[in-house]
Amino acid sequence: MSQSILKMEQIVKSFGAVNVLKGVDFDLAKGEVHALVGGNGAGKSTLMKVLSGAYTPTAGSIEVDGKTYQKLDPTLSKQLGINIVYQENDLVPSMDVVENIYVGNEKVKGPGLVDYKAMEAETRRQMEELGIDLKLSTKIEDLSVSDQQFVKILKALSVQPRVLIMDEPTSMFNVEDAAKVLELTKRITEKGIGIIYISHFLNEVVQIADRITVIRDGA
C-alpha cells in the first residue's frame, strides 16, 4: 500500500434531525485514484464539503499526514494541500486562460506588479507536462466546455495540491473529450498527487480507479 495522505474516520454530518453522513470512513494514498460513487443525495458532496472545510462534521476526525483534525476550514484545507475541481463553472468569462489560472494567486515582480510572463511560462510548462493544448490568450467565454474544464484543472494544480478532488469532471463531455480527462487524471497521479474521483459514469470509474468506495444513504 502506498503512503497514506489522508484518512477520514467515522464522519457524521447532521442537519437538524437528518443524518446525511452516518459514520463514513474514507482514505487516500499518494498517487492513487480513489473513486467515490453513489446516487444523487447519497452523501458524496457532503463528505467532500467536510474535507474542503465548507462543512464542519458533527462527529469524526480527519487525519492529514499523520496529524488529526476535528474539523477543517477552507483556508486550512488549502494549506494542507487539498483542492477541488468543481462541477460548476467558477471561471471568469472575460479573463484569458492565464489570468483565470492565477486569479487571486498572481505571481508578482514587485509591489502591485503582476508578472504575467512568469505565469504564462509556468502554465506552458504545466500544459506540456500534462499533454494539454490551449491558446493562452483566449478568453474563457470563447473556449469549448472541455477546454474550460482543462483550465479548471490547471488552476487547481497551480497551487501544487497533494489531494485533488475531481467532481464529475466529464459530466458535460463527449466520449473523445472524456477520454482526454481520464488520460490527464493518470498523468496527474504520476506526480504523486492523490485524486478523489467522483463520477456516476461507472465505465469511467472502472477504467481509472485504483479503489472504489460506494456511498449510499450516507453510509
Foldseek 3Di string as FASTA:
>chain_A
DAAWFKWWFQFWADDVVAILAGTDIDTWHWLFEEEEEEDPSLCPVVVVCQLQAVDQTPATWMAGPRDIDNGDHNVRSVVSQEEELDPDQPFDQAAFLLCRLCPVNFDADDVPHGDSVVSVVVLVVVCVLQVHDDDRRDGNNPDDPLVSLVSSVSSSCVSPGQEYEYAQSCVPHDPVSVVSVLSSSSSVSVVRRIYYYYHHPVVSCVVRHPHYDYGGSND
